[in-house]
Amino acid sequence: CAAGPASDQDRIPEPASKEFSDYWYQGTSELNRYELAQARYGELRNGDAVLVFVTEDFLTKEQVKSEGGSKGPRTSALKTNMLERFNTGIYDYSIMTSVFSPVDGSPVLKVTATVQDWCGQAFSQVNRRDGGYHLESRSYFESEGDTDTELGDAVLEDGLWNRIRTAPSTLPLGEVNMLPSVRYLRLMHKPGIAVRANAALVVKGDSSAYRMIFPSLD
């Protein structure tokens, strides 16, 4: 696997291959279900995670699913819907993250995430505009409140699930400027900024493991 580019901005879009098209344009979705072990309040909590992958037309200006009402530019996007449910022993957590990645290998266009528990709910949205990312954050915590942040260019951790399916050879390796998963930022109450990550790909036979370490986040 060759090292990926320094940033998503440096990637050259490529047309979808026949193999990709034959799999992803059947009018169906890919469904994955996992047993979830989520660290929360000092313990691992058991839960359930479901990932749904599907292609759909996506309006690049409005950054919403195309339903025929707009004649503006659009692209074919691979969408991830990740749903996570776990119980802390007292109350439930419900988390949903959606990621929209152009299938031609262009940078992720949009990420949304919601976190709900018995205390309240929080919402985050990342949009790519003018070669960089904008983060909109809404929270019921006083220390976070409502914020809008210009992030510049970065690799999005949330987009890696899609990249593994569209172009695994372009996974960034080495030292990478990366925005951690927005659901992680929410659960850990971290600021929405990109940080340095060290990424490596470990190949063992027919399987590969992609690993990221965020030194500043321990």
Protein backbone atom coordinates (compact mmCIF):
# COMPACT_ATOMS: atom_id res chain seq x y z
CA CYS A 1 0.00 0.00 0.00
CA ALA A 2 1.53 3.30 -1.06
CA ALA A 3 1.54 6.28 1.26
CA GLY A 4 -1.41 8.60 0.80
CA PRO A 5 -1.14 12.31 -0.02
CA ALA A 6 -0.30 14.94 2.57
CA SER A 7 -3.93 16.08 2.66
CA ASP A 8 -7.22 15.32 0.97
CA GLN A 9 -6.80 18.55 -1.01
CA ASP A 10 -3.87 16.91 -2.88
CA ARG A 11 -5.85 13.89 -4.07
CA ILE A 12 -6.73 13.58 -7.75
CA PRO A 13 -10.35 12.43 -8.33
CA GLU A 14 -10.65 9.15 -10.18
CA PRO A 15 -13.68 7.60 -11.92
CA ALA A 16 -15.30 4.63 -10.25
CA SER A 17 -14.05 1.27 -11.53
CA LYS A 18 -16.33 -1.33 -13.10
CA GLU A 19 -15.82 -3.56 -10.08
CA PHE A 20 -16.89 -0.72 -7.78
CA SER A 21 -19.90 0.15 -9.94
CA ASP A 22 -21.06 -3.47 -10.18
CA TYR A 23 -21.09 -3.71 -6.39
CA TRP A 24 -22.33 -0.30 -5.29
CA TYR A 25 -24.92 0.53 -7.97
CA GLN A 26 -27.23 -2.44 -7.52
CA GLY A 27 -29.83 -0.35 -5.72
CA THR A 28 -29.09 -2.07 -2.40
CA SER A 29 -27.12 -1.24 0.76
CA GLU A 30 -24.26 -2.87 2.63
CA LEU A 31 -25.13 -3.61 6.24
CA ASN A 32 -22.64 -4.36 9.02
CA ARG A 33 -23.49 -5.12 12.64
CA TYR A 34 -21.00 -5.24 15.49
CA GLU A 35 -20.88 -5.92 19.19
CA LEU A 36 -19.91 -2.57 20.69
CA ALA A 37 -17.61 -2.02 23.67
CA GLN A 38 -17.72 1.71 24.44
CA ALA A 39 -15.63 3.30 27.18
CA ARG A 40 -17.79 5.63 29.26
CA TYR A 41 -17.48 6.86 32.85
CA GLY A 42 -14.40 4.75 33.51
CA GLU A 43 -15.80 1.41 32.32
CA LEU A 44 -16.39 -0.46 29.07
CA ARG A 45 -20.11 -0.51 28.24
CA ASN A 46 -21.61 -3.21 26.05
CA GLY A 47 -23.79 -2.17 23.18
CA ASP A 48 -24.65 -2.53 19.53
CA ALA A 49 -23.29 -0.78 16.43
CA VAL A 50 -24.82 -0.84 12.94
CA LEU A 51 -23.15 0.61 9.85
CA VAL A 52 -25.16 1.14 6.68
CA PHE A 53 -23.36 2.02 3.41
CA VAL A 54 -25.22 3.13 0.28
CA THR A 55 -24.56 5.28 -2.79
CA GLU A 56 -26.79 8.22 -3.67
CA ASP A 57 -26.77 11.42 -5.71
CA PHE A 58 -25.53 14.32 -3.60
CA LEU A 59 -25.85 18.04 -4.38
CA THR A 60 -22.38 19.52 -3.97
CA LYS A 61 -23.51 23.12 -3.36
CA GLU A 62 -26.46 22.53 -1.03
CA GLN A 63 -24.77 19.39 0.38
CA VAL A 64 -27.95 17.40 0.70
CA LYS A 65 -29.32 14.31 -1.02
CA SER A 66 -30.58 15.03 -4.52
CA GLU A 67 -34.31 14.35 -4.88
CA GLY A 68 -34.79 15.95 -8.29
CA GLY A 69 -35.76 19.43 -7.12
CA SER A 70 -32.43 21.13 -7.87
CA LYS A 71 -30.61 21.34 -11.20
CA GLY A 72 -27.34 22.28 -9.49
CA PRO A 73 -24.09 20.29 -9.63
CA ARG A 74 -24.14 16.87 -8.03
CA THR A 75 -21.90 13.90 -7.46
CA SER A 76 -22.30 10.24 -6.64
CA ALA A 77 -21.52 9.81 -2.94
CA LEU A 78 -20.99 6.83 -0.70
CA LYS A 79 -22.92 7.46 2.50
CA THR A 80 -22.25 5.88 5.87
CA ASN A 81 -24.90 5.85 8.57
CA MET A 82 -23.34 4.62 11.81
CA LEU A 83 -25.75 3.96 14.67
CA GLU A 84 -24.45 3.15 18.15
CA ARG A 85 -26.49 2.20 21.20
CA PHE A 86 -25.14 1.39 24.65
CA ASN A 87 -26.23 1.53 28.28
CA THR A 88 -24.17 2.95 31.14
CA GLY A 89 -26.06 0.97 33.74
CA ILE A 90 -28.39 3.86 34.51
CA TYR A 91 -29.38 5.38 31.20
CA ASP A 92 -29.00 4.84 27.47
CA TYR A 93 -26.83 6.53 24.88
CA SER A 94 -27.86 6.84 21.25
CA ILE A 95 -25.34 8.12 18.68
CA MET A 96 -25.75 8.51 14.92
CA THR A 97 -23.07 9.65 12.49
CA SER A 98 -23.57 10.22 8.75
CA VAL A 99 -20.69 10.69 6.30
CA PHE A 100 -20.91 11.65 2.60
CA SER A 101 -17.86 10.85 0.45
CA PRO A 102 -17.70 11.33 -3.35
CA VAL A 103 -16.99 7.98 -4.99
CA ASP A 104 -14.38 9.58 -7.27
CA GLY A 105 -12.03 9.94 -4.31
CA SER A 106 -12.60 13.65 -3.72
CA PRO A 107 -12.54 14.82 -0.08
CA VAL A 108 -15.48 14.11 2.22
CA LEU A 109 -18.20 16.70 1.68
CA LYS A 110 -20.25 16.42 4.85
CA VAL A 111 -20.41 14.77 8.26
CA THR A 112 -23.25 15.04 10.76
CA ALA A 113 -23.44 13.54 14.25
CA THR A 114 -26.02 13.54 17.03
CA VAL A 115 -25.58 12.30 20.59
CA GLN A 116 -28.58 11.72 22.84
CA ASP A 117 -28.71 10.58 26.46
CA TRP A 118 -30.98 11.21 29.41
CA CYS A 119 -29.25 14.54 30.13
CA GLY A 120 -29.98 16.02 26.71
CA GLN A 121 -28.70 16.05 23.15
CA ALA A 122 -25.95 17.59 21.03
CA PHE A 123 -25.41 18.07 17.29
CA SER A 124 -22.35 18.56 15.07
CA GLN A 125 -22.05 19.17 11.33
CA VAL A 126 -18.91 19.43 9.21
CA ASN A 127 -19.12 20.85 5.66
CA ARG A 128 -16.39 21.17 3.07
CA ARG A 129 -16.36 24.60 1.43
CA ASP A 130 -13.66 26.55 -0.45
CA GLY A 131 -10.98 23.91 0.06
CA GLY A 132 -11.48 23.56 3.82
CA TYR A 133 -13.90 22.44 6.49
CA HIS A 134 -16.42 24.35 8.61
CA LEU A 135 -17.65 22.86 11.88
CA GLU A 136 -21.05 23.78 13.32
CA SER A 137 -21.56 22.62 16.90
CA ARG A 138 -24.64 22.82 19.13
CA SER A 139 -24.55 21.55 22.69
CA TYR A 140 -26.56 21.77 25.90
CA PHE A 141 -23.33 22.06 27.95
CA GLU A 142 -22.50 25.61 29.06
CA SER A 143 -18.78 25.07 28.42
CA GLU A 144 -19.49 24.19 24.76
CA GLY A 145 -22.67 26.03 23.79
CA ASP A 146 -23.17 26.99 20.12
CA THR A 147 -20.00 27.43 18.06
CA ASP A 148 -18.96 27.75 14.42
CA THR A 149 -15.32 27.00 13.59
CA GLU A 150 -13.22 27.21 10.41
CA LEU A 151 -10.97 24.14 10.45
CA GLY A 152 -8.99 24.58 7.22
CA ASP A 153 -7.96 21.45 5.34
CA ALA A 154 -7.60 18.14 7.17
CA VAL A 155 -8.28 14.44 6.88
CA LEU A 156 -11.51 13.42 8.65
CA GLU A 157 -11.33 10.32 10.81
CA ASP A 158 -15.06 9.82 10.18
CA GLY A 159 -14.36 9.50 6.45
CA LEU A 160 -11.97 6.56 6.79
CA TRP A 161 -14.77 3.97 6.83
CA ASN A 162 -15.75 5.09 3.34
CA ARG A 163 -12.19 5.39 2.06
CA ILE A 164 -11.52 1.77 3.04
CA ARG A 165 -14.34 0.84 0.66
CA THR A 166 -13.60 3.27 -2.19
CA ALA A 167 -9.80 3.64 -2.27
CA PRO A 168 -7.94 1.76 0.48
CA SER A 169 -4.58 2.36 -1.21
CA THR A 170 -4.97 6.10 -0.47
CA LEU A 171 -5.32 5.76 3.30
CA PRO A 172 -3.03 8.45 4.77
CA LEU A 173 0.13 7.09 6.37
CA GLY A 174 2.71 8.64 8.62
CA GLU A 175 2.09 11.99 10.31
CA VAL A 176 -1.34 13.32 9.34
CA ASN A 177 -3.34 16.45 10.21
CA MET A 178 -6.64 14.82 11.19
CA LEU A 179 -9.95 15.88 12.70
CA PRO A 180 -10.90 13.17 15.23
CA SER A 181 -14.30 11.57 14.93
CA VAL A 182 -16.94 14.12 15.85
CA ARG A 183 -18.69 11.63 18.12
CA TYR A 184 -15.39 11.25 20.02
CA LEU A 185 -15.12 15.03 20.33
CA ARG A 186 -18.66 15.07 21.69
CA LEU A 187 -18.28 12.28 24.24
CA MET A 188 -14.93 13.57 25.49
CA HIS A 189 -15.87 17.28 25.31
CA LYS A 190 -12.82 18.08 23.20
CA PRO A 191 -12.51 21.21 21.04
CA GLY A 192 -13.31 20.79 17.35
CA ILE A 193 -9.82 21.18 15.91
CA ALA A 194 -7.58 19.00 13.77
CA VAL A 195 -4.59 17.47 15.56
CA ARG A 196 -1.54 15.43 14.61
CA ALA A 197 -2.11 11.70 14.19
CA ASN A 198 0.35 8.94 13.41
CA ALA A 199 -1.19 6.46 10.98
CA ALA A 200 0.13 3.03 10.02
CA LEU A 201 -1.08 0.05 8.00
CA VAL A 202 -0.17 -3.40 9.30
CA VAL A 203 -0.63 -6.26 6.82
CA LYS A 204 -1.02 -9.81 8.11
CA GLY A 205 -1.66 -12.32 5.37
CA ASP A 206 -4.95 -11.53 3.67
CA SER A 207 -5.95 -9.01 6.33
CA SER A 208 -4.85 -5.46 7.03
CA ALA A 209 -5.22 -3.37 10.17
CA TYR A 210 -5.23 0.42 9.98
CA ARG A 211 -4.11 2.10 13.18
CA MET A 212 -4.06 5.73 14.28
CA ILE A 213 -2.45 7.19 17.38
CA PHE A 214 -3.29 10.72 18.53
CA PRO A 215 -0.40 11.72 20.87
CA SER A 216 -2.01 14.97 22.08
CA LEU A 217 -5.25 13.14 22.96
CA ASP A 218 -3.52 10.25 24.78
